[in-house]
Amino acid sequence: MRDKIQNFLRGRYGTDSLSKFLLILALAGMFLPIFIKKAFVFYYAGLLLLIYSYFRIFSRNIAKRSAENAAFLRKTSKITGFFRKKKLHFEQRKTHKFFRCPGCGQDIRVPKGKGNIVITCPKCRKEFQARS
């Protein structure tokens, strides 16, 4: 039985970021009518997303599915990058302070507790004073 499943899945595209996102949206849409009355439209939309997600997972057209995933990642990169940066700042909040260069907008990380310091931007070489 296991060999049959492996043979079936051989040459298939599999899961990627877009298919995982579609699966989460599908499940959310399908469970939403449990909490909200008259939201059956979300159930059917979730069902369609689930079908499309499985179509992508079992597809043999790997080049097209890869292109779709790359387009999805390009469109969501600004959002994920923003949250990744916020997470990094939060993790380092006790040891470092972050400043934005007034000249070019570059984020600059400075150790905390050094008092008033002159910060030189590594990108544009503009100097500004700040308290760490």
Protein backbone atom coordinates (compact mmCIF):
# COMPACT_ATOMS: atom_id res chain seq x y z
CA MET A 1 0.00 0.00 0.00
CA ARG A 2 2.80 2.38 0.89
CA ASP A 3 4.50 1.72 -2.45
CA LYS A 4 1.29 2.54 -4.30
CA ILE A 5 1.05 5.90 -2.54
CA GLN A 6 4.71 6.65 -3.20
CA ASN A 7 4.32 5.75 -6.87
CA PHE A 8 1.25 7.97 -7.13
CA LEU A 9 3.06 10.93 -5.56
CA ARG A 10 6.22 10.48 -7.63
CA GLY A 11 6.52 13.35 -10.10
CA ARG A 12 3.89 15.45 -8.34
CA TYR A 13 4.53 19.02 -7.25
CA GLY A 14 3.80 18.69 -3.52
CA THR A 15 3.24 21.43 -0.97
CA ASP A 16 4.71 24.91 -1.05
CA SER A 17 4.01 28.27 0.58
CA LEU A 18 1.05 29.06 -1.65
CA SER A 19 -0.64 25.70 -1.16
CA LYS A 20 -0.19 25.95 2.63
CA PHE A 21 -1.69 29.45 2.57
CA LEU A 22 -4.61 28.23 0.47
CA LEU A 23 -5.20 25.29 2.83
CA ILE A 24 -5.30 27.60 5.85
CA LEU A 25 -7.71 29.95 4.08
CA ALA A 26 -9.86 27.01 3.04
CA LEU A 27 -10.07 25.62 6.56
CA ALA A 28 -10.83 29.05 8.00
CA GLY A 29 -13.56 29.57 5.42
CA MET A 30 -15.06 26.16 6.07
CA PHE A 31 -15.13 26.60 9.86
CA LEU A 32 -16.42 30.17 9.80
CA PRO A 33 -20.09 29.16 9.34
CA ILE A 34 -19.90 27.30 12.66
CA PHE A 35 -19.48 30.62 14.46
CA ILE A 36 -21.39 32.98 12.17
CA LYS A 37 -24.88 32.23 10.97
CA LYS A 38 -25.67 32.76 7.28
CA ALA A 39 -22.00 32.54 6.30
CA PHE A 40 -22.47 29.53 4.04
CA VAL A 41 -20.80 31.43 1.18
CA PHE A 42 -17.52 31.19 3.07
CA TYR A 43 -17.98 27.44 3.34
CA TYR A 44 -18.28 27.05 -0.42
CA ALA A 45 -15.40 29.46 -1.05
CA GLY A 46 -13.31 27.43 1.38
CA LEU A 47 -14.30 24.24 -0.38
CA LEU A 48 -13.20 25.69 -3.73
CA LEU A 49 -9.90 26.82 -2.22
CA LEU A 50 -9.39 23.35 -0.78
CA ILE A 51 -9.99 21.75 -4.17
CA TYR A 52 -7.61 24.19 -5.87
CA SER A 53 -4.96 23.60 -3.22
CA TYR A 54 -5.12 19.84 -3.70
CA PHE A 55 -5.03 20.36 -7.46
CA ARG A 56 -1.78 22.29 -7.02
CA ILE A 57 -0.33 19.67 -4.66
CA PHE A 58 -1.06 16.74 -7.00
CA SER A 59 -0.20 18.59 -10.21
CA ARG A 60 2.47 17.22 -12.53
CA ASN A 61 3.12 20.62 -14.14
CA ILE A 62 5.96 21.52 -11.80
CA ALA A 63 7.20 24.53 -13.78
CA LYS A 64 3.83 26.27 -13.71
CA ARG A 65 3.25 25.56 -10.01
CA SER A 66 6.75 26.86 -9.20
CA ALA A 67 6.04 30.05 -11.14
CA GLU A 68 2.76 30.52 -9.24
CA ASN A 69 4.54 30.05 -5.93
CA ALA A 70 7.32 32.47 -6.92
CA ALA A 71 4.73 35.11 -7.84
CA PHE A 72 2.99 34.56 -4.50
CA LEU A 73 6.27 34.90 -2.61
CA ARG A 74 7.12 38.10 -4.51
CA LYS A 75 3.77 39.62 -3.60
CA THR A 76 4.00 38.67 0.06
CA SER A 77 7.70 39.40 0.59
CA LYS A 78 7.13 42.96 1.81
CA ILE A 79 4.63 41.82 4.42
CA THR A 80 6.71 38.90 5.65
CA GLY A 81 9.86 41.03 5.63
CA PHE A 82 8.15 43.68 7.76
CA PHE A 83 7.11 41.14 10.38
CA ARG A 84 10.49 39.40 10.26
CA LYS A 85 12.19 42.73 10.96
CA LYS A 86 9.79 43.52 13.81
CA LYS A 87 10.45 40.10 15.32
CA LEU A 88 14.21 40.65 15.10
CA HIS A 89 13.91 44.07 16.75
CA PHE A 90 11.76 42.57 19.49
CA GLU A 91 14.23 39.75 20.15
CA GLN A 92 17.15 42.19 20.42
CA ARG A 93 15.33 44.93 22.36
CA LYS A 94 17.23 44.29 25.60
CA THR A 95 20.72 44.48 24.15
CA HIS A 96 20.38 46.87 21.21
CA LYS A 97 18.55 50.00 20.18
CA PHE A 98 17.50 50.65 16.60
CA PHE A 99 17.67 54.01 14.86
CA ARG A 100 16.68 55.15 11.41
CA CYS A 101 19.16 57.26 9.47
CA PRO A 102 17.68 60.70 8.74
CA GLY A 103 19.54 60.81 5.42
CA CYS A 104 18.71 57.53 3.73
CA GLY A 105 16.28 55.72 6.05
CA GLN A 106 18.62 52.80 6.77
CA ASP A 107 17.94 50.94 10.03
CA ILE A 108 20.99 51.04 12.30
CA ARG A 109 21.51 48.79 15.31
CA VAL A 110 23.44 50.25 18.25
CA PRO A 111 24.32 48.61 21.60
CA LYS A 112 22.20 49.84 24.49
CA GLY A 113 23.57 51.74 27.46
CA LYS A 114 26.38 53.71 25.79
CA GLY A 115 24.87 57.15 26.54
CA ASN A 116 24.90 59.96 23.98
CA ILE A 117 26.77 58.74 20.93
CA VAL A 118 27.45 59.88 17.40
CA ILE A 119 26.13 57.32 14.95
CA THR A 120 27.54 57.12 11.44
CA CYS A 121 25.29 55.55 8.87
CA PRO A 122 27.15 52.76 7.06
CA LYS A 123 25.19 53.38 3.88
CA CYS A 124 25.37 57.15 3.34
CA ARG A 125 28.01 58.14 5.95
CA LYS A 126 25.72 60.76 7.52
CA GLU A 127 26.44 61.36 11.19
CA PHE A 128 23.75 62.02 13.76
CA GLN A 129 23.62 62.06 17.52
CA ALA A 130 21.35 59.85 19.59
CA ARG A 131 21.04 58.39 23.05
CA SER A 132 21.45 54.66 23.31
